[in-house]
Amino acid sequence: MSRSAHPAGPRHADVLPEGHYTAPPTDLNALDPKVWAQTVTRTPDGVVTVGGMEVTKLAEEFGTPAYFIDETDFRARARAWRTAFGHDADVFYAGKAFLSRAVVRWLHEEGLNLDVCSGGELSTALSAGMPADRIAFHGNNKSTDEITKAIESGVGRIVLDSFQEIVRVAHIAESLGKRQRVQIRVTVGVEAHTHEFIATAHEDQKFGIALADGQAAEAVRRALALDGLELVGIHSHIGSQIFDMAGFEVAARRVVKLLAEVRDEHGVELPEIDLGGGLGIAYTSEDDPREPHEIAKALSEIVTRECEAARLGTPRISVEPGRAIVGPTAFTLYEVGTIKPLDGLRTYVSVDGGMSDNIRTALYDAEYSVALVSRVSDAEPMLARVVGKHCESGDIVVRDAFLPADLAPGDLIAVPATGAYCRSMASNYNHALRPPVVAVRDGEARTIVRRETEEDLLRLDVG
């Protein structure tokens, strides 16, 4: 079983695979800084703090389950990406990872652009004051209303995902008397080493226009011929939760080859190349993500080298980190409910949340870490499976982890690295109420997305 082969999470059977967790950690109270947010630490009596606030007090004020985001860490990671790529490149935060109006304001203040992929994300961005020209609009099936709103708002780029969309966007732009800046998303035939549901650049999937058989070249020809479009570049995204830069190198080489073909056939050097996002984060101590400056250096060298070989001017590079910014900055806080030891296997630890607030384990077999955070414990480690309260046997939050053997109902445990895709993909399964998102900074905490109430559920039920 190799994490580099399946960094989204190895697929486990019901029995632990041979060699998995060969030994428990030496210190169950330790908090790996690679996995936890920047300001997370423990007090002398073992209570975990974030932003200077103890989780026990946060639980009293905001309840559980709840997502707590370290605003200091979020801003620091955003700045690190902006600094790493400098003024000659564009960093678009991928809003699908997690988006709220507070996050939009943080991004604006830290100098990042924003990538959205729905009308709702676009409305959130605009309502929070993100300048429209710093927004890129993605999506494989944008509606006419979404395209119209994007063009009327003045978004900086629309990423075209199909031949139909080329015509659709051009027609709407012309009807509005505008010329819309666009990129064409191509699938470059690179299958990133990740879970099949989040690998996005091989041909057999829904995104983009294939380079194979001249389809991407034809898309470029059509876009260049339409008055309503200003084609500014090519977009490529090879997957998510990727640690190895080799896939980006192959993708860049193939995209640059297309740029050279465009120059030779149409006499146009497109000024932009977007290599997408998908850079991995540490969900466990075994994961080893790259730092933004390493990624920026590697991508810049790859594109420059390939362009020099093709005798092209180096285009402006764009990247789209989402998970890499917000993922490590948050954790989900749960209260332990029931505990069921199964002799010879593991202990099932049930919490007051589950797949409604973190579907990734059930969907991708994603791996997470977990820790007792409301007190210190010197008890022996026990092999545990953290599960939720939903009516599904697959309702698993952390498949296999070690927790103290004296864990008891009422204890607080936390799962780190839940900033990306957990609240975004949260549901009301079993009519669960989606948890709040609470930002913590410098000893203060404030709700940025409130907890749902039963009144919220009933308000939509017009029965």
Protein backbone atom coordinates (compact mmCIF):
# COMPACT_ATOMS: atom_id res chain seq x y z
CA MET A 1 0.00 0.00 0.00
CA SER A 2 1.63 3.26 -1.14
CA ARG A 3 0.56 6.75 -0.18
CA SER A 4 2.29 8.13 -3.25
CA ALA A 5 0.08 5.89 -5.38
CA HIS A 6 -3.15 6.89 -3.64
CA PRO A 7 -2.55 10.12 -1.71
CA ALA A 8 -6.29 10.74 -1.51
CA GLY A 9 -6.44 7.73 0.77
CA PRO A 10 -5.67 4.03 0.38
CA ARG A 11 -8.64 1.74 0.03
CA HIS A 12 -8.85 -0.44 3.12
CA ALA A 13 -10.72 -3.66 3.63
CA ASP A 14 -12.54 -4.27 6.89
CA VAL A 15 -9.38 -5.85 8.27
CA LEU A 16 -6.26 -3.73 8.44
CA PRO A 17 -3.86 -4.44 5.55
CA GLU A 18 -0.54 -6.00 6.38
CA GLY A 19 2.03 -3.41 7.44
CA HIS A 20 -0.50 -0.67 8.14
CA TYR A 21 0.19 1.08 11.44
CA THR A 22 2.84 -1.40 12.48
CA ALA A 23 3.29 0.47 15.76
CA PRO A 24 1.36 3.15 17.63
CA PRO A 25 2.86 6.65 17.90
CA THR A 26 5.33 7.13 20.74
CA ASP A 27 3.33 10.03 22.20
CA LEU A 28 -0.43 10.22 21.77
CA ASN A 29 -0.43 13.78 23.14
CA ALA A 30 1.95 15.11 20.47
CA LEU A 31 0.55 17.37 17.78
CA ASP A 32 2.44 17.13 14.49
CA PRO A 33 2.80 20.71 13.18
CA LYS A 34 2.74 19.33 9.65
CA VAL A 35 -0.86 18.20 10.19
CA TRP A 36 -2.25 20.81 12.60
CA ALA A 37 -2.81 24.52 12.03
CA GLN A 38 -0.08 27.01 12.82
CA THR A 39 -1.33 28.31 16.20
CA VAL A 40 -2.52 24.95 17.58
CA THR A 41 -0.77 23.90 20.78
CA ARG A 42 -1.47 22.23 24.16
CA THR A 43 -1.67 23.81 27.58
CA PRO A 44 0.26 22.14 30.45
CA ASP A 45 -2.91 20.25 31.45
CA GLY A 46 -3.34 18.92 27.92
CA VAL A 47 -6.13 21.10 26.56
CA VAL A 48 -5.54 22.00 22.92
CA THR A 49 -5.72 25.67 21.97
CA VAL A 50 -6.05 27.45 18.63
CA GLY A 51 -5.51 31.15 18.20
CA GLY A 52 -4.96 31.35 21.96
CA MET A 53 -8.36 29.84 22.83
CA GLU A 54 -8.94 26.48 24.53
CA VAL A 55 -11.11 23.99 22.66
CA THR A 56 -13.09 23.25 25.81
CA LYS A 57 -14.22 26.87 25.94
CA LEU A 58 -14.84 26.94 22.20
CA ALA A 59 -17.04 23.86 22.54
CA GLU A 60 -19.01 25.53 25.33
CA GLU A 61 -19.61 28.63 23.24
CA PHE A 62 -20.14 27.18 19.77
CA GLY A 63 -21.10 23.56 20.40
CA THR A 64 -19.99 20.44 18.57
CA PRO A 65 -19.48 19.33 15.91
CA ALA A 66 -17.92 22.51 14.60
CA TYR A 67 -15.18 23.54 12.21
CA PHE A 68 -12.56 25.87 13.69
CA ILE A 69 -10.35 27.74 11.25
CA ASP A 70 -7.06 29.37 12.26
CA GLU A 71 -7.32 32.74 10.54
CA THR A 72 -3.66 33.55 11.20
CA ASP A 73 -2.62 30.34 9.47
CA PHE A 74 -4.98 30.90 6.53
CA ARG A 75 -3.62 34.38 5.91
CA ALA A 76 -0.02 33.18 6.27
CA ARG A 77 -0.53 30.41 3.71
CA ALA A 78 -2.25 32.80 1.29
CA ARG A 79 0.68 35.22 1.59
CA ALA A 80 3.18 32.40 1.14
CA TRP A 81 1.60 31.45 -2.19
CA ARG A 82 1.37 35.06 -3.33
CA THR A 83 5.01 35.71 -2.38
CA ALA A 84 6.29 32.47 -3.91
CA PHE A 85 4.86 33.26 -7.35
CA GLY A 86 5.55 36.99 -7.28
CA HIS A 87 4.07 39.63 -9.55
CA ASP A 88 4.78 37.75 -12.78
CA ALA A 89 2.21 35.04 -12.04
CA ASP A 90 -1.38 34.79 -10.81
CA VAL A 91 -2.58 32.81 -7.81
CA PHE A 92 -6.29 31.93 -7.89
CA TYR A 93 -7.69 30.44 -4.70
CA ALA A 94 -9.95 27.52 -5.67
CA GLY A 95 -13.20 28.47 -3.96
CA LYS A 96 -14.65 24.97 -4.19
CA ALA A 97 -12.37 23.92 -1.31
CA PHE A 98 -14.20 26.24 1.08
CA LEU A 99 -15.79 29.59 0.41
CA SER A 100 -17.50 32.16 2.59
CA ARG A 101 -17.67 35.93 2.51
CA ALA A 102 -15.10 36.17 5.29
CA VAL A 103 -12.70 34.01 3.28
CA VAL A 104 -13.26 36.17 0.20
CA ARG A 105 -12.32 39.25 2.20
CA TRP A 106 -9.17 37.54 3.54
CA LEU A 107 -8.16 36.61 -0.01
CA HIS A 108 -8.77 40.14 -1.26
CA GLU A 109 -6.73 41.63 1.56
CA GLU A 110 -3.87 39.17 0.98
CA GLY A 111 -3.74 39.89 -2.76
CA LEU A 112 -5.04 36.60 -4.17
CA ASN A 113 -7.47 36.08 -7.03
CA LEU A 114 -10.42 33.67 -6.87
CA ASP A 115 -11.59 30.73 -8.92
CA VAL A 116 -15.33 29.94 -8.80
CA CYS A 117 -17.31 27.19 -10.48
CA SER A 118 -20.97 28.01 -9.87
CA GLY A 119 -23.36 30.92 -9.75
CA GLY A 120 -23.53 30.58 -5.96
CA GLU A 121 -19.77 30.84 -5.59
CA LEU A 122 -19.75 33.84 -7.93
CA SER A 123 -22.47 35.56 -5.91
CA THR A 124 -20.56 34.92 -2.68
CA ALA A 125 -17.40 36.40 -4.19
CA LEU A 126 -19.09 39.51 -5.57
CA SER A 127 -21.15 40.13 -2.43
CA ALA A 128 -17.96 40.12 -0.34
CA GLY A 129 -16.23 42.68 -2.55
CA MET A 130 -13.87 40.59 -4.67
CA PRO A 131 -13.21 42.62 -7.86
CA ALA A 132 -14.79 40.79 -10.76
CA ASP A 133 -11.69 41.08 -12.92
CA ARG A 134 -9.84 38.96 -10.35
CA ILE A 135 -12.33 36.10 -10.67
CA ALA A 136 -12.07 33.11 -13.00
CA PHE A 137 -15.19 31.05 -13.75
CA HIS A 138 -14.83 27.27 -14.18
CA GLY A 139 -17.30 24.46 -14.73
CA ASN A 140 -18.05 21.72 -17.24
CA ASN A 141 -21.71 22.68 -17.71
CA LYS A 142 -22.24 26.37 -16.96
CA SER A 143 -25.82 27.46 -17.40
CA THR A 144 -26.87 30.32 -19.63
CA ASP A 145 -27.82 32.33 -16.54
CA GLU A 146 -24.42 31.67 -14.92
CA ILE A 147 -22.54 32.69 -18.07
CA THR A 148 -24.66 35.82 -18.46
CA LYS A 149 -24.08 36.83 -14.85
CA ALA A 150 -20.34 36.21 -15.15
CA ILE A 151 -20.01 38.31 -18.30
CA GLU A 152 -22.25 41.11 -17.00
CA SER A 153 -20.20 41.18 -13.80
CA GLY A 154 -16.96 41.51 -15.76
CA VAL A 155 -15.17 38.35 -14.61
CA GLY A 156 -11.55 38.26 -15.67
CA ARG A 157 -11.66 34.83 -17.29
CA ILE A 158 -14.15 32.18 -18.25
CA VAL A 159 -12.57 28.76 -18.68
CA LEU A 160 -14.20 27.08 -21.69
CA ASP A 161 -14.79 23.36 -21.16
CA SER A 162 -16.46 22.13 -24.37
CA PHE A 163 -17.13 22.97 -28.00
CA GLN A 164 -20.73 23.88 -27.12
CA GLU A 165 -19.52 26.29 -24.47
CA ILE A 166 -17.24 28.08 -26.91
CA VAL A 167 -20.26 29.02 -28.99
CA ARG A 168 -22.49 29.63 -25.97
CA VAL A 169 -20.13 32.08 -24.25
CA ALA A 170 -19.36 33.87 -27.52
CA HIS A 171 -23.05 34.30 -28.34
CA ILE A 172 -23.94 35.64 -24.88
CA ALA A 173 -20.95 38.00 -24.87
CA GLU A 174 -21.88 39.41 -28.29
CA SER A 175 -25.52 39.83 -27.25
CA LEU A 176 -24.28 41.89 -24.29
CA GLY A 177 -21.97 43.94 -26.49
CA LYS A 178 -18.85 42.58 -24.78
CA ARG A 179 -15.73 40.64 -25.64
CA GLN A 180 -15.02 38.05 -22.94
CA ARG A 181 -11.51 36.93 -21.97
CA VAL A 182 -11.38 33.13 -22.01
CA GLN A 183 -9.07 30.18 -21.58
CA ILE A 184 -9.62 26.71 -23.01
CA ARG A 185 -9.35 23.80 -20.61
CA VAL A 186 -7.57 20.87 -22.19
CA THR A 187 -7.14 17.31 -20.95
CA VAL A 188 -3.52 16.43 -21.49
CA GLY A 189 -3.67 12.66 -20.98
CA VAL A 190 -1.83 12.73 -17.66
CA GLU A 191 -3.37 10.47 -15.03
CA ALA A 192 -2.18 11.88 -11.72
CA HIS A 193 -1.39 9.42 -8.94
CA THR A 194 -4.55 9.98 -6.93
CA HIS A 195 -8.00 8.53 -6.40
CA GLU A 196 -9.85 8.02 -9.69
CA PHE A 197 -12.67 10.35 -8.61
CA ILE A 198 -10.29 13.32 -8.33
CA ALA A 199 -7.92 12.61 -11.23
CA THR A 200 -9.04 15.00 -13.94
CA ALA A 201 -6.61 15.01 -16.88
CA HIS A 202 -6.98 11.56 -18.39
CA GLU A 203 -9.30 11.35 -21.40
CA ASP A 204 -12.08 9.23 -19.87
CA GLN A 205 -13.72 11.89 -17.69
CA LYS A 206 -16.02 14.86 -17.98
CA PHE A 207 -13.64 17.82 -17.88
CA GLY A 208 -11.99 19.70 -20.71
CA ILE A 209 -11.22 19.14 -24.38
CA ALA A 210 -8.74 16.42 -25.25
CA LEU A 211 -5.41 17.19 -26.84
CA ALA A 212 -5.69 13.87 -28.65
CA ASP A 213 -6.85 13.80 -32.29
CA GLY A 214 -6.45 17.55 -32.66
CA GLN A 215 -9.57 18.38 -30.64
CA ALA A 216 -7.90 21.06 -28.53
CA ALA A 217 -6.32 22.62 -31.62
CA GLU A 218 -9.77 22.77 -33.23
CA ALA A 219 -11.18 24.39 -30.11
CA VAL A 220 -8.50 27.06 -30.30
CA ARG A 221 -9.28 27.67 -33.98
CA ARG A 222 -12.98 28.14 -33.24
CA ALA A 223 -12.38 30.44 -30.28
CA LEU A 224 -10.00 32.65 -32.24
CA ALA A 225 -12.60 33.04 -35.00
CA LEU A 226 -15.38 34.34 -32.74
CA ASP A 227 -15.75 38.09 -32.15
CA GLY A 228 -17.24 37.63 -28.68
CA LEU A 229 -14.14 35.90 -27.32
CA GLU A 230 -10.63 37.01 -26.51
CA LEU A 231 -8.63 33.81 -26.15
CA VAL A 232 -5.83 34.50 -23.67
CA GLY A 233 -4.53 31.07 -22.76
CA ILE A 234 -4.72 27.35 -22.15
CA HIS A 235 -5.81 25.73 -18.90
CA SER A 236 -4.78 22.32 -17.57
CA HIS A 237 -5.67 20.58 -14.30
CA ILE A 238 -4.35 17.07 -13.72
CA GLY A 239 -5.98 16.11 -10.41
CA SER A 240 -6.02 16.70 -6.68
CA GLN A 241 -3.95 15.85 -3.60
CA ILE A 242 -0.77 15.41 -5.68
CA PHE A 243 2.74 15.33 -4.18
CA ASP A 244 4.81 14.43 -7.25
CA MET A 245 5.69 17.21 -9.72
CA ALA A 246 6.31 14.75 -12.58
CA GLY A 247 2.71 14.97 -13.76
CA PHE A 248 2.91 18.75 -13.97
CA GLU A 249 6.07 18.47 -16.07
CA VAL A 250 4.38 16.21 -18.60
CA ALA A 251 1.27 18.42 -18.64
CA ALA A 252 3.31 21.60 -19.16
CA ARG A 253 5.26 20.00 -22.00
CA ARG A 254 2.06 19.05 -23.82
CA VAL A 255 0.38 22.41 -23.24
CA VAL A 256 3.47 24.27 -24.51
CA LYS A 257 3.47 22.05 -27.59
CA LEU A 258 -0.11 23.19 -28.23
CA LEU A 259 0.94 26.84 -27.80
CA ALA A 260 3.64 26.31 -30.39
CA GLU A 261 1.12 24.78 -32.80
CA VAL A 262 -1.18 27.78 -32.29
CA ARG A 263 1.69 30.15 -33.07
CA ASP A 264 2.68 28.24 -36.19
CA GLU A 265 -0.87 27.92 -37.54
CA HIS A 266 -2.45 31.21 -36.46
CA GLY A 267 0.52 33.52 -35.85
CA VAL A 268 -0.62 34.08 -32.27
CA GLU A 269 1.34 33.52 -29.07
CA LEU A 270 -1.20 33.06 -26.29
CA PRO A 271 -0.03 34.99 -23.22
CA GLU A 272 -1.25 32.71 -20.40
CA ILE A 273 -0.93 29.15 -19.18
CA ASP A 274 -2.87 27.90 -16.17
CA LEU A 275 -1.57 24.70 -14.60
CA GLY A 276 -4.45 24.36 -12.14
CA GLY A 277 -4.09 23.26 -8.57
CA GLY A 278 -4.23 19.91 -6.85
CA LEU A 279 -1.12 20.16 -4.68
CA GLY A 280 -1.40 17.86 -1.70
CA ILE A 281 -1.42 18.55 2.03
CA ALA A 282 -0.53 16.45 5.06
CA TYR A 283 -3.53 14.58 6.42
CA THR A 284 -1.25 12.28 8.42
CA SER A 285 2.36 12.48 9.58
CA GLU A 286 3.38 10.19 6.71
CA ASP A 287 2.35 12.72 4.06
CA ASP A 288 5.08 15.04 2.82
CA PRO A 289 3.72 18.06 0.93
CA ARG A 290 5.88 20.64 -0.82
CA GLU A 291 6.17 24.25 0.26
CA PRO A 292 4.79 27.00 -2.02
CA HIS A 293 8.25 28.34 -2.89
CA GLU A 294 9.33 24.86 -3.99
CA ILE A 295 6.23 24.48 -6.16
CA ALA A 296 6.64 27.94 -7.68
CA LYS A 297 10.28 27.32 -8.53
CA ALA A 298 9.55 23.92 -10.05
CA LEU A 299 6.61 25.09 -12.18
CA SER A 300 8.45 28.19 -13.37
CA GLU A 301 11.48 26.14 -14.40
CA ILE A 302 9.33 23.56 -16.18
CA VAL A 303 7.39 26.14 -18.23
CA THR A 304 10.46 28.25 -19.01
CA ARG A 305 12.44 25.23 -20.15
CA GLU A 306 9.68 23.92 -22.39
CA CYS A 307 9.00 27.35 -23.91
CA GLU A 308 12.68 27.91 -24.65
CA ALA A 309 12.82 24.53 -26.38
CA ALA A 310 9.79 25.51 -28.49
CA ARG A 311 11.21 29.03 -29.13
CA LEU A 312 8.19 30.62 -27.45
CA GLY A 313 8.05 33.58 -25.15
CA THR A 314 7.30 32.45 -21.60
CA PRO A 315 3.59 32.95 -20.89
CA ARG A 316 2.22 34.25 -17.61
CA ILE A 317 1.64 31.30 -15.27
CA SER A 318 -1.50 30.84 -13.18
CA VAL A 319 -2.05 28.31 -10.40
CA GLU A 320 -5.13 27.45 -8.36
CA PRO A 321 -4.36 26.27 -4.82
CA GLY A 322 -7.45 25.68 -2.71
CA ARG A 323 -6.89 22.73 -0.41
CA ALA A 324 -3.20 23.73 -0.09
CA ILE A 325 -4.26 27.02 1.51
CA VAL A 326 -7.35 26.24 3.57
CA GLY A 327 -7.01 22.50 4.20
CA PRO A 328 -4.39 22.56 6.98
CA THR A 329 -5.83 25.64 8.68
CA ALA A 330 -8.93 24.01 10.20
CA PHE A 331 -9.97 21.11 12.38
CA THR A 332 -13.33 19.59 13.23
CA LEU A 333 -14.17 19.31 16.91
CA TYR A 334 -16.39 16.44 18.07
CA GLU A 335 -17.74 15.13 21.36
CA VAL A 336 -17.36 11.42 22.01
CA GLY A 337 -20.64 9.58 22.51
CA THR A 338 -20.53 5.78 22.61
CA ILE A 339 -17.43 3.56 22.70
CA LYS A 340 -17.59 -0.08 21.53
CA PRO A 341 -14.51 -2.33 21.88
CA LEU A 342 -14.40 -5.26 19.44
CA ASP A 343 -12.02 -7.91 20.76
CA GLY A 344 -9.15 -8.60 18.41
CA LEU A 345 -10.11 -5.87 15.95
CA ARG A 346 -10.47 -2.28 17.15
CA THR A 347 -12.57 0.04 19.26
CA TYR A 348 -15.40 1.97 17.61
CA VAL A 349 -15.58 5.56 18.84
CA SER A 350 -18.83 7.29 17.89
CA VAL A 351 -18.98 11.09 17.70
CA ASP A 352 -21.77 13.62 17.31
CA GLY A 353 -21.03 14.27 13.62
CA GLY A 354 -20.04 11.97 10.79
CA MET A 355 -20.38 11.71 7.04
CA SER A 356 -22.71 14.73 6.96
CA ASP A 357 -19.79 16.98 7.95
CA ASN A 358 -16.97 14.95 6.36
CA ILE A 359 -17.97 12.77 3.41
CA ARG A 360 -14.39 12.37 2.15
CA THR A 361 -13.60 9.18 4.06
CA ALA A 362 -16.71 7.45 2.72
CA LEU A 363 -16.29 8.91 -0.77
CA TYR A 364 -12.52 8.64 -1.32
CA ASP A 365 -11.32 6.37 1.51
CA ALA A 366 -9.44 9.47 2.63
CA GLU A 367 -7.17 9.19 5.64
CA TYR A 368 -7.16 11.56 8.60
CA SER A 369 -5.46 11.98 11.93
CA VAL A 370 -7.31 12.40 15.22
CA ALA A 371 -6.40 13.37 18.78
CA LEU A 372 -7.91 13.68 22.24
CA VAL A 373 -7.91 17.45 22.77
CA SER A 374 -9.82 18.18 26.00
CA ARG A 375 -7.25 16.70 28.40
CA VAL A 376 -3.92 14.92 28.61
CA SER A 377 -3.78 11.13 28.86
CA ASP A 378 -1.03 8.72 29.83
CA ALA A 379 -3.12 5.67 28.99
CA GLU A 380 -1.98 2.98 26.58
CA PRO A 381 -2.90 3.47 22.93
CA MET A 382 -5.87 1.62 21.50
CA LEU A 383 -6.56 1.04 17.82
CA ALA A 384 -9.74 2.97 17.09
CA ARG A 385 -12.14 3.72 14.28
CA VAL A 386 -13.91 7.06 14.62
CA VAL A 387 -17.43 6.83 13.24
CA GLY A 388 -20.43 9.11 13.02
CA LYS A 389 -24.07 8.88 14.10
CA HIS A 390 -25.66 8.29 10.69
CA CYS A 391 -27.57 5.21 9.55
CA GLU A 392 -24.76 3.94 7.33
CA SER A 393 -22.08 1.34 8.05
CA GLY A 394 -19.79 3.43 5.85
CA ASP A 395 -20.24 6.47 8.11
CA ILE A 396 -16.55 6.61 9.01
CA VAL A 397 -14.62 9.77 9.91
CA VAL A 398 -11.18 8.28 10.65
CA ARG A 399 -10.79 4.71 9.51
CA ASP A 400 -7.82 3.63 11.63
CA ALA A 401 -6.03 5.62 14.31
CA PHE A 402 -4.67 5.29 17.83
CA LEU A 403 -6.42 7.02 20.73
CA PRO A 404 -5.86 6.69 24.51
CA ALA A 405 -7.44 3.60 26.01
CA ASP A 406 -9.09 5.70 28.74
CA LEU A 407 -11.13 7.67 26.20
CA ALA A 408 -14.62 8.24 27.63
CA PRO A 409 -17.99 9.67 26.58
CA GLY A 410 -17.92 13.45 26.85
CA ASP A 411 -14.26 13.75 25.81
CA LEU A 412 -13.49 16.09 22.94
CA ILE A 413 -11.54 14.78 19.97
CA ALA A 414 -10.46 16.75 16.92
CA VAL A 415 -9.70 15.80 13.33
CA PRO A 416 -7.16 18.16 11.73
CA ALA A 417 -6.78 19.20 8.07
CA THR A 418 -10.53 19.48 7.50
CA GLY A 419 -10.53 22.99 6.05
CA ALA A 420 -10.97 21.80 2.47
CA TYR A 421 -14.08 20.10 1.09
CA CYS A 422 -15.58 19.12 4.44
CA ARG A 423 -17.96 22.06 4.97
CA SER A 424 -18.21 22.53 1.19
CA MET A 425 -19.48 18.97 0.73
CA ALA A 426 -21.48 18.81 3.97
CA SER A 427 -25.06 17.57 3.77
CA ASN A 428 -28.29 17.28 5.73
CA TYR A 429 -28.30 13.49 5.57
CA ASN A 430 -30.64 12.13 8.25
CA HIS A 431 -31.69 15.79 8.57
CA ALA A 432 -28.44 16.55 10.35
CA LEU A 433 -27.73 20.22 10.90
CA ARG A 434 -24.58 21.40 9.15
CA PRO A 435 -21.96 22.63 11.64
CA PRO A 436 -20.76 26.20 11.94
CA VAL A 437 -17.41 27.50 10.76
CA VAL A 438 -15.70 29.55 13.44
CA ALA A 439 -12.64 31.72 12.77
CA VAL A 440 -10.19 32.05 15.66
CA ARG A 441 -7.45 34.67 15.86
CA ASP A 442 -5.51 36.36 18.66
CA GLY A 443 -7.73 35.10 21.48
CA GLU A 444 -11.01 35.91 19.76
CA ALA A 445 -13.47 33.63 17.97
CA ARG A 446 -16.33 34.55 15.68
CA THR A 447 -18.78 32.59 13.58
CA ILE A 448 -18.27 33.11 9.85
CA VAL A 449 -20.82 30.49 8.78
CA ARG A 450 -23.48 29.86 11.41
CA ARG A 451 -24.76 26.47 12.50
CA GLU A 452 -27.94 25.40 10.76
CA THR A 453 -31.09 25.15 12.84
CA GLU A 454 -34.17 23.00 12.60
CA GLU A 455 -35.98 26.15 11.52
CA ASP A 456 -33.64 26.35 8.53
CA LEU A 457 -34.61 22.81 7.52
CA LEU A 458 -38.31 23.39 7.97
CA ARG A 459 -38.23 26.71 6.13
CA LEU A 460 -37.30 24.90 2.91
CA ASP A 461 -39.92 22.19 3.41
CA VAL A 462 -43.01 23.82 1.92
CA GLY A 463 -45.00 20.49 2.32
